[in-house]
Protein backbone atom coordinates (compact mmCIF):
# COMPACT_ATOMS: atom_id res chain seq x y z
CA MET A 1 11.34 -60.20 2.42
CA ASP A 2 9.23 -59.60 5.57
CA LYS A 3 7.84 -55.94 4.92
CA VAL A 4 8.23 -53.00 3.19
CA ILE A 5 7.29 -49.38 5.54
CA PRO A 6 7.60 -46.03 4.32
CA PHE A 7 10.24 -43.94 6.07
CA LEU A 8 10.49 -40.52 6.88
CA MET A 9 13.66 -38.87 7.93
CA PHE A 10 13.40 -35.83 9.74
CA GLN A 11 15.68 -33.14 10.60
CA ASP A 12 15.84 -30.48 13.70
CA GLY A 13 14.12 -32.98 16.09
CA LYS A 14 10.74 -32.58 14.88
CA ALA A 15 9.95 -36.88 14.14
CA GLU A 16 7.94 -36.38 17.62
CA GLU A 17 5.92 -33.60 16.98
CA ALA A 18 4.92 -34.69 13.73
CA MET A 19 4.05 -38.43 14.64
CA ASN A 20 2.02 -36.95 17.49
CA PHE A 21 0.01 -34.64 14.74
CA TYR A 22 -0.59 -37.23 12.53
CA THR A 23 -2.15 -39.76 15.11
CA SER A 24 -4.23 -37.18 16.44
CA LEU A 25 -5.62 -36.49 12.75
CA ILE A 26 -6.05 -40.15 11.43
CA GLU A 27 -8.33 -42.33 13.91
CA ASP A 28 -7.30 -45.95 14.15
CA SER A 29 -3.56 -44.53 14.63
CA GLU A 30 -0.82 -44.89 16.80
CA ILE A 31 2.60 -44.48 17.90
CA THR A 32 4.01 -47.89 18.50
CA SER A 33 7.08 -47.46 19.49
CA ILE A 34 9.97 -44.61 20.26
CA VAL A 35 13.84 -45.14 20.85
CA ARG A 36 15.76 -42.10 21.71
CA TYR A 37 19.18 -41.41 21.44
CA GLY A 38 20.68 -41.15 24.78
CA ALA A 39 23.62 -39.07 26.60
CA ASN A 40 27.01 -39.32 23.89
CA GLU A 41 25.36 -41.18 21.51
CA ALA A 42 25.35 -40.00 17.76
CA GLY A 43 22.28 -37.95 17.73
CA GLU A 44 20.90 -34.98 20.28
CA GLU A 45 19.89 -36.70 23.46
CA GLY A 46 16.07 -37.20 23.48
CA THR A 47 15.38 -37.01 19.99
CA VAL A 48 14.11 -40.03 17.73
CA MET A 49 17.16 -42.77 16.72
CA GLN A 50 14.01 -44.86 15.37
CA ALA A 51 10.31 -44.79 16.02
CA THR A 52 7.03 -46.64 14.17
CA PHE A 53 3.61 -45.69 14.17
CA THR A 54 0.44 -46.58 12.14
CA LEU A 55 -1.84 -44.25 10.00
CA LYS A 56 -5.19 -46.18 9.62
CA GLY A 57 -3.46 -49.49 10.27
CA GLN A 58 -0.34 -48.49 7.69
CA GLU A 59 2.58 -48.58 8.90
CA PHE A 60 5.81 -46.16 9.19
CA MET A 61 8.53 -45.70 10.21
CA CYS A 62 10.57 -42.50 11.38
CA ILE A 63 13.71 -40.86 12.54
CA ASP A 64 15.48 -37.29 13.90
CA SER A 65 18.44 -37.20 11.57
CA ASN A 66 21.88 -36.76 13.37
CA ALA A 67 23.30 -35.17 10.58
CA LYS A 68 22.40 -32.36 8.38
CA HIS A 69 21.50 -32.97 4.76
CA LYS A 70 21.21 -30.87 1.73
CA PHE A 71 17.90 -32.43 1.21
CA SER A 72 14.62 -32.83 2.59
CA PHE A 73 10.95 -34.23 1.55
CA THR A 74 9.58 -33.97 -1.68
CA PRO A 75 6.11 -34.07 -3.54
CA SER A 76 7.39 -36.92 -5.39
CA PHE A 77 6.43 -39.23 -2.81
CA SER A 78 3.37 -38.49 -0.69
CA ILE A 79 0.86 -40.08 1.56
CA TYR A 80 -2.15 -40.68 -0.04
CA VAL A 81 -5.76 -40.68 1.97
CA VAL A 82 -9.04 -41.44 0.82
CA CYS A 83 -11.89 -39.38 3.05
CA SER A 84 -15.51 -40.75 3.56
CA THR A 85 -16.96 -37.67 3.49
CA GLU A 86 -16.68 -33.92 2.18
CA GLU A 87 -16.52 -32.66 5.91
CA GLU A 88 -13.53 -35.05 6.57
CA ILE A 89 -11.55 -34.33 3.65
CA ASP A 90 -12.14 -30.13 4.48
CA ASP A 91 -11.14 -30.73 7.98
CA LEU A 92 -8.27 -33.14 7.58
CA TYR A 93 -7.03 -30.70 4.61
CA GLY A 94 -7.17 -27.51 6.20
CA LYS A 95 -5.20 -28.59 9.50
CA LEU A 96 -2.66 -30.13 7.37
CA GLU A 97 -1.91 -27.04 5.41
CA GLU A 98 -1.73 -24.94 8.54
CA GLY A 99 2.28 -24.08 8.18
CA GLY A 100 2.32 -25.92 5.04
CA GLN A 101 1.96 -25.23 1.37
CA ALA A 102 -0.63 -26.13 -0.86
CA LEU A 103 0.36 -27.58 -4.23
CA MET A 104 -3.16 -28.24 -5.65
CA PRO A 105 -6.05 -26.40 -3.55
CA LEU A 106 -9.34 -28.50 -2.72
CA ASN A 107 -10.92 -28.88 -5.76
CA ASN A 108 -12.76 -31.03 -8.30
CA TYR A 109 -10.50 -31.63 -10.99
CA GLY A 110 -12.37 -34.04 -12.99
CA PHE A 111 -10.54 -37.02 -11.87
CA SER A 112 -12.04 -36.81 -8.20
CA LYS A 113 -15.08 -34.72 -6.68
CA ARG A 114 -12.76 -33.39 -4.48
CA PHE A 115 -8.79 -33.57 -4.19
CA GLY A 116 -6.25 -31.49 -2.87
CA TRP A 117 -2.58 -31.84 -2.75
CA LEU A 118 -0.21 -29.92 0.03
CA ASN A 119 3.58 -30.03 1.57
CA ASP A 120 2.81 -30.09 5.65
CA ARG A 121 4.51 -27.80 7.89
CA PHE A 122 7.21 -30.67 8.23
CA GLY A 123 7.54 -30.77 4.29
CA VAL A 124 5.88 -34.02 3.81
CA SER A 125 3.78 -34.10 1.06
CA TRP A 126 -0.10 -35.59 1.17
CA GLN A 127 -2.97 -36.45 -1.15
CA ILE A 128 -6.17 -36.19 -0.17
CA ASN A 129 -9.12 -37.24 -2.01
CA PHE A 130 -12.70 -37.91 -1.61
CA VAL A 131 -14.20 -39.99 -4.44
């Protein structure tokens, strides 16, 4: 076994937009590879066949699904981020919440000074913590 990598499957051609958004929000993050569907291939030409990106050193893979599924992302799997300052958590939560859905608004829930849980505009779930 070489490694274990979280894998995100996007629908409606949103993988590249999501990667660009995520890597713009979190420092030390980058898109490391993109392979696109070409003409006459299984997916829509130009969409992401397979891509990798990193968020603060954590590698992720993603695709634009060429098949429609009756499922999408679920909050039971989330990206967990620990922020260094209250300003950082406020900024990150605010940007991720735009067009998304708050599951637990930023607050002191007893187990953390400041914590929030949300689904972003792509449906990906995030837990943001400031300890």
